Amino acid sequence: MARSTMEVAFLGTQKTEVDGTKYVKVFYGDEPDGKTEHGLSIVGIPAADEVADEIFAAGANFEPLQLVRITFDVARGGQNKGKNLALHIEAVNTRATTTQQPVAPANKPAEPAKAEQPKA
């Protein structure tokens, strides 16, 4: 089984219960193929059972068309097709990024720190 992530336009989460079995899906917009659809192509991905409630609840925190990152497992299905199961969803701007301190150019000496003047 492989794990992957994708960044897509969020459309919604949906929870359905049939005969005591809960089904949760995440819907997102994808690029249209220009032949059978125009605008956004609506795609659904089921949530893994163990995180279904968490993923459904997370959907309340996103605006329509907000860019989200979906982490999912891909299991091999029949006819060489993958079966995707969503594991986590988050807003794209929430991932911690590593930042580096700016480095002064080697040919320019660093300025000395200025002493703070006492207040009168």
PDB file of N, CA and C in Angstrom:
ATOM      1  N   MET A   1       0.846  -1.169   0.000  1.00  0.00           N
ATOM      2  CA  MET A   1       0.000   0.000   0.000  1.00  0.00           C
ATOM      3  C   MET A   1       0.897   1.239   0.000  1.00  0.00           C
ATOM      4  N   ALA A   2       0.533   2.227  -0.764  1.00  0.00           N
ATOM      5  CA  ALA A   2       1.300   3.472  -0.856  1.00  0.00           C
ATOM      6  C   ALA A   2       0.541   4.588  -0.158  1.00  0.00           C
ATOM      7  N   ARG A   3       1.267   5.598   0.275  1.00  0.00           N
ATOM      8  CA  ARG A   3       0.662   6.766   0.897  1.00  0.00           C
ATOM      9  C   ARG A   3       1.034   7.977   0.060  1.00  0.00           C
ATOM     10  N   SER A   4       0.089   8.892  -0.114  1.00  0.00           N
ATOM     11  CA  SER A   4       0.335  10.059  -0.935  1.00  0.00           C
ATOM     12  C   SER A   4      -0.444  11.246  -0.381  1.00  0.00           C
ATOM     13  N   THR A   5      -0.162  12.429  -0.905  1.00  0.00           N
ATOM     14  CA  THR A   5      -0.921  13.632  -0.564  1.00  0.00           C
ATOM     15  C   THR A   5      -1.255  14.366  -1.852  1.00  0.00           C
ATOM     16  N   MET A   6      -2.311  15.155  -1.785  1.00  0.00           N
ATOM     17  CA  MET A   6      -2.682  16.010  -2.909  1.00  0.00           C
ATOM     18  C   MET A   6      -3.262  17.301  -2.363  1.00  0.00           C
ATOM     19  N   GLU A   7      -3.072  18.363  -3.111  1.00  0.00           N
ATOM     20  CA  GLU A   7      -3.643  19.656  -2.757  1.00  0.00           C
ATOM     21  C   GLU A   7      -4.722  19.963  -3.776  1.00  0.00           C
ATOM     22  N   VAL A   8      -5.945  20.183  -3.261  1.00  0.00           N
ATOM     23  CA  VAL A   8      -7.102  20.344  -4.131  1.00  0.00           C
ATOM     24  C   VAL A   8      -8.055  21.383  -3.554  1.00  0.00           C
ATOM     25  N   ALA A   9      -9.025  21.806  -4.366  1.00  0.00           N
ATOM     26  CA  ALA A   9     -10.057  22.740  -3.921  1.00  0.00           C
ATOM     27  C   ALA A   9     -11.136  21.965  -3.156  1.00  0.00           C
ATOM     28  N   PHE A  10     -11.361  22.343  -1.894  1.00  0.00           N
ATOM     29  CA  PHE A  10     -12.326  21.654  -1.032  1.00  0.00           C
ATOM     30  C   PHE A  10     -13.755  21.983  -1.454  1.00  0.00           C
ATOM     31  N   LEU A  11     -14.593  20.959  -1.550  1.00  0.00           N
ATOM     32  CA  LEU A  11     -16.011  21.168  -1.835  1.00  0.00           C
ATOM     33  C   LEU A  11     -16.889  20.782  -0.653  1.00  0.00           C
ATOM     34  N   GLY A  12     -16.551  19.718   0.060  1.00  0.00           N
ATOM     35  CA  GLY A  12     -17.360  19.336   1.213  1.00  0.00           C
ATOM     36  C   GLY A  12     -17.028  17.956   1.730  1.00  0.00           C
ATOM     37  N   THR A  13     -17.591  17.656   2.912  1.00  0.00           N
ATOM     38  CA  THR A  13     -17.535  16.305   3.454  1.00  0.00           C
ATOM     39  C   THR A  13     -18.975  15.849   3.634  1.00  0.00           C
ATOM     40  N   GLN A  14     -19.193  14.557   3.536  1.00  0.00           N
ATOM     41  CA  GLN A  14     -20.542  14.002   3.622  1.00  0.00           C
ATOM     42  C   GLN A  14     -20.497  12.733   4.445  1.00  0.00           C
ATOM     43  N   LYS A  15     -21.489  12.589   5.352  1.00  0.00           N
ATOM     44  CA  LYS A  15     -21.596  11.374   6.155  1.00  0.00           C
ATOM     45  C   LYS A  15     -22.954  10.746   5.883  1.00  0.00           C
ATOM     46  N   THR A  16     -22.956   9.472   5.561  1.00  0.00           N
ATOM     47  CA  THR A  16     -24.180   8.720   5.303  1.00  0.00           C
ATOM     48  C   THR A  16     -24.140   7.462   6.155  1.00  0.00           C
ATOM     49  N   GLU A  17     -25.281   7.084   6.727  1.00  0.00           N
ATOM     50  CA  GLU A  17     -25.341   5.856   7.506  1.00  0.00           C
ATOM     51  C   GLU A  17     -26.398   4.948   6.897  1.00  0.00           C
ATOM     52  N   VAL A  18     -25.992   3.730   6.563  1.00  0.00           N
ATOM     53  CA  VAL A  18     -26.896   2.753   5.967  1.00  0.00           C
ATOM     54  C   VAL A  18     -26.785   1.462   6.768  1.00  0.00           C
ATOM     55  N   ASP A  19     -27.898   1.015   7.324  1.00  0.00           N
ATOM     56  CA  ASP A  19     -27.933  -0.233   8.104  1.00  0.00           C
ATOM     57  C   ASP A  19     -26.832  -0.280   9.161  1.00  0.00           C
ATOM     58  N   GLY A  20     -26.632   0.825   9.856  1.00  0.00           N
ATOM     59  CA  GLY A  20     -25.648   0.876  10.928  1.00  0.00           C
ATOM     60  C   GLY A  20     -24.212   1.034  10.478  1.00  0.00           C
ATOM     61  N   THR A  21     -23.976   1.102   9.183  1.00  0.00           N
ATOM     62  CA  THR A  21     -22.628   1.301   8.667  1.00  0.00           C
ATOM     63  C   THR A  21     -22.479   2.747   8.229  1.00  0.00           C
ATOM     64  N   LYS A  22     -21.414   3.385   8.691  1.00  0.00           N
ATOM     65  CA  LYS A  22     -21.167   4.795   8.411  1.00  0.00           C
ATOM     66  C   LYS A  22     -20.222   4.933   7.224  1.00  0.00           C
ATOM     67  N   TYR A  23     -20.579   5.831   6.311  1.00  0.00           N
ATOM     68  CA  TYR A  23     -19.736   6.130   5.158  1.00  0.00           C
ATOM     69  C   TYR A  23     -19.445   7.623   5.155  1.00  0.00           C
ATOM     70  N   VAL A  24     -18.172   7.982   5.069  1.00  0.00           N
ATOM     71  CA  VAL A  24     -17.770   9.389   5.013  1.00  0.00           C
ATOM     72  C   VAL A  24     -16.965   9.586   3.735  1.00  0.00           C
ATOM     73  N   LYS A  25     -17.286  10.678   3.033  1.00  0.00           N
ATOM     74  CA  LYS A  25     -16.552  11.012   1.803  1.00  0.00           C
ATOM     75  C   LYS A  25     -16.108  12.458   1.857  1.00  0.00           C
ATOM     76  N   VAL A  26     -14.975  12.723   1.213  1.00  0.00           N
ATOM     77  CA  VAL A  26     -14.490  14.083   0.996  1.00  0.00           C
ATOM     78  C   VAL A  26     -14.691  14.368  -0.484  1.00  0.00           C
ATOM     79  N   PHE A  27     -15.282  15.521  -0.791  1.00  0.00           N
ATOM     80  CA  PHE A  27     -15.462  15.914  -2.183  1.00  0.00           C
ATOM     81  C   PHE A  27     -14.535  17.085  -2.481  1.00  0.00           C
ATOM     82  N   TYR A  28     -13.877  17.003  -3.628  1.00  0.00           N
ATOM     83  CA  TYR A  28     -12.973  18.078  -4.016  1.00  0.00           C
ATOM     84  C   TYR A  28     -13.120  18.340  -5.502  1.00  0.00           C
ATOM     85  N   GLY A  29     -12.675  19.524  -5.906  1.00  0.00           N
ATOM     86  CA  GLY A  29     -12.741  19.909  -7.306  1.00  0.00           C
ATOM     87  C   GLY A  29     -11.426  19.634  -7.999  1.00  0.00           C
ATOM     88  N   ASP A  30     -11.529  19.134  -9.203  1.00  0.00           N
ATOM     89  CA  ASP A  30     -10.358  18.831  -9.999  1.00  0.00           C
ATOM     90  C   ASP A  30     -10.509  19.541 -11.343  1.00  0.00           C
ATOM     91  N   GLU A  31      -9.439  19.591 -12.096  1.00  0.00           N
ATOM     92  CA  GLU A  31      -9.482  20.216 -13.417  1.00  0.00           C
ATOM     93  C   GLU A  31     -10.474  19.480 -14.302  1.00  0.00           C
ATOM     94  N   PRO A  32     -11.328  20.201 -15.028  1.00  0.00           N
ATOM     95  CA  PRO A  32     -12.266  19.534 -15.926  1.00  0.00           C
ATOM     96  C   PRO A  32     -11.541  18.927 -17.122  1.00  0.00           C
ATOM     97  N   ASP A  33     -12.125  17.905 -17.708  1.00  0.00           N
ATOM     98  CA  ASP A  33     -11.485  17.288 -18.870  1.00  0.00           C
ATOM     99  C   ASP A  33     -11.799  18.034 -20.163  1.00  0.00           C
ATOM    100  N   GLY A  34     -12.743  18.985 -20.139  1.00  0.00           N
ATOM    101  CA  GLY A  34     -13.058  19.780 -21.316  1.00  0.00           C
ATOM    102  C   GLY A  34     -13.906  19.047 -22.347  1.00  0.00           C
ATOM    103  N   LYS A  35     -14.204  17.785 -22.103  1.00  0.00           N
ATOM    104  CA  LYS A  35     -15.017  17.002 -23.041  1.00  0.00           C
ATOM    105  C   LYS A  35     -16.377  16.672 -22.437  1.00  0.00           C
ATOM    106  N   THR A  36     -16.357  16.201 -21.196  1.00  0.00           N
ATOM    107  CA  THR A  36     -17.614  15.819 -20.555  1.00  0.00           C
ATOM    108  C   THR A  36     -18.006  16.762 -19.427  1.00  0.00           C
ATOM    109  N   GLU A  37     -17.118  17.696 -19.068  1.00  0.00           N
ATOM    110  CA  GLU A  37     -17.430  18.621 -17.978  1.00  0.00           C
ATOM    111  C   GLU A  37     -16.672  19.927 -18.164  1.00  0.00           C
ATOM    112  N   HIS A  38     -17.244  20.991 -17.656  1.00  0.00           N
ATOM    113  CA  HIS A  38     -16.635  22.319 -17.661  1.00  0.00           C
ATOM    114  C   HIS A  38     -16.725  22.860 -16.235  1.00  0.00           C
ATOM    115  N   GLY A  39     -15.863  23.778 -15.874  1.00  0.00           N
ATOM    116  CA  GLY A  39     -15.803  24.227 -14.485  1.00  0.00           C
ATOM    117  C   GLY A  39     -14.989  23.214 -13.707  1.00  0.00           C
ATOM    118  N   LEU A  40     -15.393  22.917 -12.495  1.00  0.00           N
ATOM    119  CA  LEU A  40     -14.682  21.922 -11.692  1.00  0.00           C
ATOM    120  C   LEU A  40     -15.258  20.538 -11.921  1.00  0.00           C
ATOM    121  N   SER A  41     -14.401  19.565 -11.960  1.00  0.00           N
ATOM    122  CA  SER A  41     -14.818  18.175 -11.950  1.00  0.00           C
ATOM    123  C   SER A  41     -14.970  17.788 -10.486  1.00  0.00           C
ATOM    124  N   ILE A  42     -16.102  17.229 -10.103  1.00  0.00           N
ATOM    125  CA  ILE A  42     -16.336  16.863  -8.700  1.00  0.00           C
ATOM    126  C   ILE A  42     -15.876  15.427  -8.482  1.00  0.00           C
ATOM    127  N   VAL A  43     -14.959  15.261  -7.524  1.00  0.00           N
ATOM    128  CA  VAL A  43     -14.385  13.948  -7.236  1.00  0.00           C
ATOM    129  C   VAL A  43     -14.613  13.641  -5.761  1.00  0.00           C
ATOM    130  N   GLY A  44     -14.974  12.405  -5.461  1.00  0.00           N
ATOM    131  CA  GLY A  44     -15.154  11.984  -4.076  1.00  0.00           C
ATOM    132  C   GLY A  44     -14.130  10.934  -3.711  1.00  0.00           C
ATOM    133  N   ILE A  45     -13.685  10.968  -2.467  1.00  0.00           N
ATOM    134  CA  ILE A  45     -12.749   9.971  -1.954  1.00  0.00           C
ATOM    135  C   ILE A  45     -13.274   9.518  -0.596  1.00  0.00           C
ATOM    136  N   PRO A  46     -13.458   8.213  -0.392  1.00  0.00           N
ATOM    137  CA  PRO A  46     -13.955   7.747   0.901  1.00  0.00           C
ATOM    138  C   PRO A  46     -12.891   7.887   1.982  1.00  0.00           C
ATOM    139  N   ALA A  47     -13.358   8.072   3.217  1.00  0.00           N
ATOM    140  CA  ALA A  47     -12.451   8.158   4.362  1.00  0.00           C
ATOM    141  C   ALA A  47     -12.256   6.773   4.965  1.00  0.00           C
ATOM    142  N   ALA A  48     -11.063   6.530   5.484  1.00  0.00           N
ATOM    143  CA  ALA A  48     -10.789   5.277   6.191  1.00  0.00           C
ATOM    144  C   ALA A  48     -11.682   5.225   7.436  1.00  0.00           C
ATOM    145  N   ASP A  49     -12.190   4.043   7.770  1.00  0.00           N
ATOM    146  CA  ASP A  49     -13.130   3.891   8.884  1.00  0.00           C
ATOM    147  C   ASP A  49     -12.614   4.477  10.193  1.00  0.00           C
ATOM    148  N   GLU A  50     -11.330   4.261  10.496  1.00  0.00           N
ATOM    149  CA  GLU A  50     -10.792   4.677  11.797  1.00  0.00           C
ATOM    150  C   GLU A  50     -10.669   6.194  11.954  1.00  0.00           C
ATOM    151  N   VAL A  51     -10.738   6.954  10.859  1.00  0.00           N
ATOM    152  CA  VAL A  51     -10.635   8.423  10.940  1.00  0.00           C
ATOM    153  C   VAL A  51     -11.843   9.122  10.316  1.00  0.00           C
ATOM    154  N   ALA A  52     -12.896   8.369  10.021  1.00  0.00           N
ATOM    155  CA  ALA A  52     -14.054   8.925   9.316  1.00  0.00           C
ATOM    156  C   ALA A  52     -14.684  10.107  10.067  1.00  0.00           C
ATOM    157  N   ASP A  53     -14.903   9.962  11.371  1.00  0.00           N
ATOM    158  CA  ASP A  53     -15.520  11.054  12.137  1.00  0.00           C
ATOM    159  C   ASP A  53     -14.632  12.289  12.167  1.00  0.00           C
ATOM    160  N   GLU A  54     -13.338  12.086  12.315  1.00  0.00           N
ATOM    161  CA  GLU A  54     -12.379  13.202  12.343  1.00  0.00           C
ATOM    162  C   GLU A  54     -12.384  13.956  11.009  1.00  0.00           C
ATOM    163  N   ILE A  55     -12.382  13.224   9.919  1.00  0.00           N
ATOM    164  CA  ILE A  55     -12.372  13.853   8.596  1.00  0.00           C
ATOM    165  C   ILE A  55     -13.683  14.582   8.335  1.00  0.00           C
ATOM    166  N   PHE A  56     -14.806  13.962   8.722  1.00  0.00           N
ATOM    167  CA  PHE A  56     -16.094  14.619   8.530  1.00  0.00           C
ATOM    168  C   PHE A  56     -16.148  15.929   9.325  1.00  0.00           C
ATOM    169  N   ALA A  57     -15.722  15.900  10.577  1.00  0.00           N
ATOM    170  CA  ALA A  57     -15.736  17.100  11.419  1.00  0.00           C
ATOM    171  C   ALA A  57     -14.809  18.181  10.871  1.00  0.00           C
ATOM    172  N   ALA A  58     -13.672  17.790  10.321  1.00  0.00           N
ATOM    173  CA  ALA A  58     -12.722  18.765   9.772  1.00  0.00           C
ATOM    174  C   ALA A  58     -13.339  19.563   8.633  1.00  0.00           C
ATOM    175  N   GLY A  59     -14.264  18.950   7.905  1.00  0.00           N
ATOM    176  CA  GLY A  59     -14.909  19.634   6.795  1.00  0.00           C
ATOM    177  C   GLY A  59     -15.623  20.908   7.189  1.00  0.00           C
ATOM    178  N   ALA A  60     -16.036  21.014   8.447  1.00  0.00           N
ATOM    179  CA  ALA A  60     -16.724  22.221   8.923  1.00  0.00           C
ATOM    180  C   ALA A  60     -15.773  23.411   9.038  1.00  0.00           C
ATOM    181  N   ASN A  61     -14.485  23.168   8.987  1.00  0.00           N
ATOM    182  CA  ASN A  61     -13.489  24.227   9.169  1.00  0.00           C
ATOM    183  C   ASN A  61     -13.006  24.859   7.872  1.00  0.00           C
ATOM    184  N   PHE A  62     -13.482  24.389   6.729  1.00  0.00           N
ATOM    185  CA  PHE A  62     -12.995  24.885   5.445  1.00  0.00           C
ATOM    186  C   PHE A  62     -14.087  25.621   4.694  1.00  0.00           C
ATOM    187  N   GLU A  63     -13.664  26.624   3.950  1.00  0.00           N
ATOM    188  CA  GLU A  63     -14.562  27.362   3.066  1.00  0.00           C
ATOM    189  C   GLU A  63     -14.646  26.627   1.732  1.00  0.00           C
ATOM    190  N   PRO A  64     -15.779  26.757   1.025  1.00  0.00           N
ATOM    191  CA  PRO A  64     -15.841  26.153  -0.305  1.00  0.00           C
ATOM    192  C   PRO A  64     -14.717  26.682  -1.193  1.00  0.00           C
ATOM    193  N   LEU A  65     -14.086  25.804  -1.911  1.00  0.00           N
ATOM    194  CA  LEU A  65     -12.977  26.066  -2.828  1.00  0.00           C
ATOM    195  C   LEU A  65     -11.665  26.417  -2.134  1.00  0.00           C
ATOM    196  N   GLN A  66     -11.619  26.338  -0.795  1.00  0.00           N
ATOM    197  CA  GLN A  66     -10.362  26.554  -0.081  1.00  0.00           C
ATOM    198  C   GLN A  66      -9.401  25.434  -0.456  1.00  0.00           C
ATOM    199  N   LEU A  67      -8.133  25.760  -0.605  1.00  0.00           N
ATOM    200  CA  LEU A  67      -7.126  24.767  -0.947  1.00  0.00           C
ATOM    201  C   LEU A  67      -6.820  23.925   0.296  1.00  0.00           C
ATOM    202  N   VAL A  68      -6.999  22.605   0.163  1.00  0.00           N
ATOM    203  CA  VAL A  68      -6.732  21.684   1.267  1.00  0.00           C
ATOM    204  C   VAL A  68      -5.741  20.621   0.812  1.00  0.00           C
ATOM    205  N   ARG A  69      -5.107  20.006   1.799  1.00  0.00           N
ATOM    206  CA  ARG A  69      -4.171  18.912   1.542  1.00  0.00           C
ATOM    207  C   ARG A  69      -4.808  17.642   2.102  1.00  0.00           C
ATOM    208  N   ILE A  70      -4.990  16.648   1.254  1.00  0.00           N
ATOM    209  CA  ILE A  70      -5.565  15.371   1.673  1.00  0.00           C
ATOM    210  C   ILE A  70      -4.468  14.323   1.639  1.00  0.00           C
ATOM    211  N   THR A  71      -4.275  13.651   2.771  1.00  0.00           N
ATOM    212  CA  THR A  71      -3.343  12.526   2.848  1.00  0.00           C
ATOM    213  C   THR A  71      -4.180  11.267   2.691  1.00  0.00           C
ATOM    214  N   PHE A  72      -3.733  10.355   1.838  1.00  0.00           N
ATOM    215  CA  PHE A  72      -4.541   9.167   1.585  1.00  0.00           C
ATOM    216  C   PHE A  72      -3.661   7.960   1.307  1.00  0.00           C
ATOM    217  N   ASP A  73      -4.236   6.796   1.571  1.00  0.00           N
ATOM    218  CA  ASP A  73      -3.595   5.529   1.227  1.00  0.00           C
ATOM    219  C   ASP A  73      -4.140   5.070  -0.107  1.00  0.00           C
ATOM    220  N   VAL A  74      -3.279   4.458  -0.888  1.00  0.00           N
ATOM    221  CA  VAL A  74      -3.678   3.898  -2.174  1.00  0.00           C
ATOM    222  C   VAL A  74      -3.425   2.396  -2.111  1.00  0.00           C
ATOM    223  N   ALA A  75      -4.504   1.627  -2.143  1.00  0.00           N
ATOM    224  CA  ALA A  75      -4.369   0.166  -2.169  1.00  0.00           C
ATOM    225  C   ALA A  75      -4.672  -0.293  -3.584  1.00  0.00           C
ATOM    226  N   ARG A  76      -4.015  -1.314  -4.001  1.00  0.00           N
ATOM    227  CA  ARG A  76      -4.249  -1.820  -5.352  1.00  0.00           C
ATOM    228  C   ARG A  76      -5.624  -2.469  -5.427  1.00  0.00           C
ATOM    229  N   GLY A  77      -6.382  -2.057  -6.423  1.00  0.00           N
ATOM    230  CA  GLY A  77      -7.710  -2.616  -6.636  1.00  0.00           C
ATOM    231  C   GLY A  77      -7.711  -3.521  -7.848  1.00  0.00           C
ATOM    232  N   GLY A  78      -8.879  -3.868  -8.302  1.00  0.00           N
ATOM    233  CA  GLY A  78      -9.006  -4.716  -9.478  1.00  0.00           C
ATOM    234  C   GLY A  78      -8.648  -3.968 -10.741  1.00  0.00           C
ATOM    235  N   GLN A  79      -8.256  -4.688 -11.761  1.00  0.00           N
ATOM    236  CA  GLN A  79      -7.921  -4.147 -13.075  1.00  0.00           C
ATOM    237  C   GLN A  79      -6.858  -3.046 -13.003  1.00  0.00           C
ATOM    238  N   ASN A  80      -5.885  -3.228 -12.110  1.00  0.00           N
ATOM    239  CA  ASN A  80      -4.770  -2.296 -11.936  1.00  0.00           C
ATOM    240  C   ASN A  80      -5.215  -0.878 -11.585  1.00  0.00           C
ATOM    241  N   LYS A  81      -6.326  -0.741 -10.904  1.00  0.00           N
ATOM    242  CA  LYS A  81      -6.794   0.565 -10.451  1.00  0.00           C
ATOM    243  C   LYS A  81      -6.548   0.678  -8.959  1.00  0.00           C
ATOM    244  N   GLY A  82      -6.279   1.892  -8.506  1.00  0.00           N
ATOM    245  CA  GLY A  82      -6.053   2.115  -7.078  1.00  0.00           C
ATOM    246  C   GLY A  82      -7.351   2.409  -6.355  1.00  0.00           C
ATOM    247  N   LYS A  83      -7.391   2.023  -5.086  1.00  0.00           N
ATOM    248  CA  LYS A  83      -8.511   2.368  -4.205  1.00  0.00           C
ATOM    249  C   LYS A  83      -7.959   3.365  -3.197  1.00  0.00           C
ATOM    250  N   ASN A  84      -8.435   4.593  -3.250  1.00  0.00           N
ATOM    251  CA  ASN A  84      -7.947   5.633  -2.362  1.00  0.00           C
ATOM    252  C   ASN A  84      -8.806   5.711  -1.106  1.00  0.00           C
ATOM    253  N   LEU A  85      -8.160   5.867   0.055  1.00  0.00           N
ATOM    254  CA  LEU A  85      -8.842   6.067   1.320  1.00  0.00           C
ATOM    255  C   LEU A  85      -8.217   7.272   2.014  1.00  0.00           C
ATOM    256  N   ALA A  86      -9.035   8.304   2.267  1.00  0.00           N
ATOM    257  CA  ALA A  86      -8.537   9.506   2.930  1.00  0.00           C
ATOM    258  C   ALA A  86      -8.190   9.206   4.380  1.00  0.00           C
ATOM    259  N   LEU A  87      -7.048   9.728   4.824  1.00  0.00           N
ATOM    260  CA  LEU A  87      -6.580   9.535   6.198  1.00  0.00           C
ATOM    261  C   LEU A  87      -6.575  10.824   6.999  1.00  0.00           C
ATOM    262  N   HIS A  88      -6.388  11.963   6.300  1.00  0.00           N
ATOM    263  CA  HIS A  88      -6.267  13.247   6.990  1.00  0.00           C
ATOM    264  C   HIS A  88      -6.557  14.361   5.993  1.00  0.00           C
ATOM    265  N   ILE A  89      -7.115  15.451   6.506  1.00  0.00           N
ATOM    266  CA  ILE A  89      -7.351  16.628   5.663  1.00  0.00           C
ATOM    267  C   ILE A  89      -6.985  17.861   6.474  1.00  0.00           C
ATOM    268  N   GLU A  90      -6.288  18.795   5.822  1.00  0.00           N
ATOM    269  CA  GLU A  90      -5.874  20.026   6.497  1.00  0.00           C
ATOM    270  C   GLU A  90      -5.814  21.151   5.477  1.00  0.00           C
ATOM    271  N   ALA A  91      -5.932  22.386   5.976  1.00  0.00           N
ATOM    272  CA  ALA A  91      -5.769  23.543   5.099  1.00  0.00           C
ATOM    273  C   ALA A  91      -4.318  23.596   4.654  1.00  0.00           C
ATOM    274  N   VAL A  92      -4.080  23.993   3.418  1.00  0.00           N
ATOM    275  CA  VAL A  92      -2.721  24.024   2.879  1.00  0.00           C
ATOM    276  C   VAL A  92      -1.834  24.953   3.686  1.00  0.00           C
ATOM    277  N   ASN A  93      -2.338  26.071   4.147  1.00  0.00           N
ATOM    278  CA  ASN A  93      -1.500  27.046   4.848  1.00  0.00           C
ATOM    279  C   ASN A  93      -1.216  26.670   6.292  1.00  0.00           C
ATOM    280  N   THR A  94      -1.626  25.498   6.790  1.00  0.00           N
ATOM    281  CA  THR A  94      -1.377  25.137   8.181  1.00  0.00           C
ATOM    282  C   THR A  94      -0.129  24.308   8.390  1.00  0.00           C
ATOM    283  N   ARG A  95       0.443  23.771   7.346  1.00  0.00           N
ATOM    284  CA  ARG A  95       1.635  22.928   7.500  1.00  0.00           C
ATOM    285  C   ARG A  95       2.807  23.794   7.928  1.00  0.00           C
ATOM    286  N   ALA A  96       3.516  23.354   8.950  1.00  0.00           N
ATOM    287  CA  ALA A  96       4.688  24.088   9.423  1.00  0.00           C
ATOM    288  C   ALA A  96       5.767  24.046   8.349  1.00  0.00           C
ATOM    289  N   THR A  97       6.314  25.188   8.061  1.00  0.00           N
ATOM    290  CA  THR A  97       7.392  25.230   7.080  1.00  0.00           C
ATOM    291  C   THR A  97       8.682  25.583   7.790  1.00  0.00           C
ATOM    292  N   THR A  98       9.759  25.045   7.307  1.00  0.00           N
ATOM    293  CA  THR A  98      11.047  25.365   7.895  1.00  0.00           C
ATOM    294  C   THR A  98      11.553  26.634   7.235  1.00  0.00           C
ATOM    295  N   THR A  99      11.978  27.559   8.072  1.00  0.00           N
ATOM    296  CA  THR A  99      12.510  28.814   7.538  1.00  0.00           C
ATOM    297  C   THR A  99      13.964  28.923   7.921  1.00  0.00           C
ATOM    298  N   GLN A 100      14.729  29.460   7.025  1.00  0.00           N
ATOM    299  CA  GLN A 100      16.142  29.657   7.289  1.00  0.00           C
ATOM    300  C   GLN A 100      16.372  31.134   7.552  1.00  0.00           C
ATOM    301  N   GLN A 101      17.298  31.412   8.440  1.00  0.00           N
ATOM    302  CA  GLN A 101      17.677  32.790   8.708  1.00  0.00           C
ATOM    303  C   GLN A 101      18.416  33.329   7.496  1.00  0.00           C
ATOM    304  N   PRO A 102      18.147  34.583   7.119  1.00  0.00           N
ATOM    305  CA  PRO A 102      18.881  35.140   5.984  1.00  0.00           C
ATOM    306  C   PRO A 102      20.375  35.176   6.289  1.00  0.00           C
ATOM    307  N   VAL A 103      21.148  34.868   5.301  1.00  0.00           N
ATOM    308  CA  VAL A 103      22.595  34.848   5.453  1.00  0.00           C
ATOM    309  C   VAL A 103      23.161  36.100   4.799  1.00  0.00           C
ATOM    310  N   ALA A 104      24.022  36.802   5.535  1.00  0.00           N
ATOM    311  CA  ALA A 104      24.636  38.011   4.982  1.00  0.00           C
ATOM    312  C   ALA A 104      25.626  37.605   3.892  1.00  0.00           C
ATOM    313  N   PRO A 105      25.700  38.380   2.818  1.00  0.00           N
ATOM    314  CA  PRO A 105      26.673  38.065   1.767  1.00  0.00           C
ATOM    315  C   PRO A 105      28.089  38.051   2.333  1.00  0.00           C
ATOM    316  N   ALA A 106      28.925  37.171   1.805  1.00  0.00           N
ATOM    317  CA  ALA A 106      30.284  37.010   2.321  1.00  0.00           C
ATOM    318  C   ALA A 106      31.140  38.259   2.122  1.00  0.00           C
ATOM    319  N   ASN A 107      30.876  39.046   1.089  1.00  0.00           N
ATOM    320  CA  ASN A 107      31.728  40.200   0.825  1.00  0.00           C
ATOM    321  C   ASN A 107      31.283  41.458   1.569  1.00  0.00           C
ATOM    322  N   LYS A 108      30.198  41.382   2.335  1.00  0.00           N
ATOM    323  CA  LYS A 108      29.710  42.549   3.068  1.00  0.00           C
ATOM    324  C   LYS A 108      29.812  42.255   4.559  1.00  0.00           C
ATOM    325  N   PRO A 109      30.576  43.059   5.310  1.00  0.00           N
ATOM    326  CA  PRO A 109      30.702  42.792   6.739  1.00  0.00           C
ATOM    327  C   PRO A 109      29.374  43.061   7.456  1.00  0.00           C
ATOM    328  N   ALA A 110      29.136  42.280   8.489  1.00  0.00           N
ATOM    329  CA  ALA A 110      27.919  42.470   9.271  1.00  0.00           C
ATOM    330  C   ALA A 110      28.020  43.769  10.052  1.00  0.00           C
ATOM    331  N   GLU A 111      26.881  44.459  10.208  1.00  0.00           N
ATOM    332  CA  GLU A 111      26.868  45.704  10.978  1.00  0.00           C
ATOM    333  C   GLU A 111      26.901  45.372  12.454  1.00  0.00           C
ATOM    334  N   PRO A 112      27.657  46.152  13.240  1.00  0.00           N
ATOM    335  CA  PRO A 112      27.680  45.898  14.668  1.00  0.00           C
ATOM    336  C   PRO A 112      26.330  46.250  15.291  1.00  0.00           C
ATOM    337  N   ALA A 113      25.969  45.551  16.352  1.00  0.00           N
ATOM    338  CA  ALA A 113      24.714  45.823  17.027  1.00  0.00           C
ATOM    339  C   ALA A 113      24.786  47.181  17.706  1.00  0.00           C
ATOM    340  N   LYS A 114      23.701  47.951  17.644  1.00  0.00           N
ATOM    341  CA  LYS A 114      23.675  49.267  18.268  1.00  0.00           C
ATOM    342  C   LYS A 114      23.196  49.106  19.707  1.00  0.00           C
ATOM    343  N   ALA A 115      23.887  49.805  20.600  1.00  0.00           N
ATOM    344  CA  ALA A 115      23.511  49.756  22.009  1.00  0.00           C
ATOM    345  C   ALA A 115      22.248  50.593  22.218  1.00  0.00           C
ATOM    346  N   GLU A 116      21.373  50.102  23.089  1.00  0.00           N
ATOM    347  CA  GLU A 116      20.141  50.837  23.367  1.00  0.00           C
ATOM    348  C   GLU A 116      20.472  51.991  24.304  1.00  0.00           C
ATOM    349  N   GLN A 117      19.952  53.157  23.978  1.00  0.00           N
ATOM    350  CA  GLN A 117      20.171  54.351  24.802  1.00  0.00           C
ATOM    351  C   GLN A 117      19.262  54.300  26.011  1.00  0.00           C
ATOM    352  N   PRO A 118      19.788  54.631  27.215  1.00  0.00           N
ATOM    353  CA  PRO A 118      18.932  54.649  28.408  1.00  0.00           C
ATOM    354  C   PRO A 118      17.870  55.728  28.275  1.00  0.00           C
ATOM    355  N   LYS A 119      16.686  55.448  28.826  1.00  0.00           N
ATOM    356  CA  LYS A 119      15.589  56.414  28.781  1.00  0.00           C
ATOM    357  C   LYS A 119      15.758  57.426  29.892  1.00  0.00           C
ATOM    358  N   ALA A 120      15.393  58.676  29.587  1.00  0.00           N
ATOM    359  CA  ALA A 120      15.560  59.729  30.581  1.00  0.00           C
ATOM    360  C   ALA A 120      14.362  59.849  31.475  1.00  0.00           C
TER     361      ALA A 120
END
